[in-house]
Amino acid sequence: QEQGVLTQLCQKVVKYFQDGKQIKAVLEQNPSQGKAILVANGLASNQQFAVREWIMPFMSCFADLLKVLWTLWTQLKRKKQSMAASRRGIEQLTRLVARCALDQQQQQQQ
């Protein structure tokens, strides 16, 4: 489930980066008419907000990606901590059982 969400978000971010490169190239090559060209090419719907129309959804998508990554990292961290605690508990039980077995063995020898 997480893999599908993560893949989808990564694909969106990649598309935003590709669009961003294209927008940057158009604006650099045509400083005075760049925004009008973006509107004409369908990369923006309004000259005044051409860059904002790209950056706002990109930031939202990137924030979602960070949230998913943070959630996955937190889950992994908790799982590792839980496994470590379980391992310590099992080691303590093993020592206790071994100590009891040695005590029993010593009592039988006496």
Foldseek 3Di string as FASTA:
>chain_A
DLVVVLVVLVVVLVVLVVLVVVLVVLCVVPVVCSLVVCCVVVQAVDSVCSVVVSVVVNVVSVVVNVVSVVVVVVVVVVVVVVVVVVVVVVVVVVVVVVVVVVVVVVVVVD
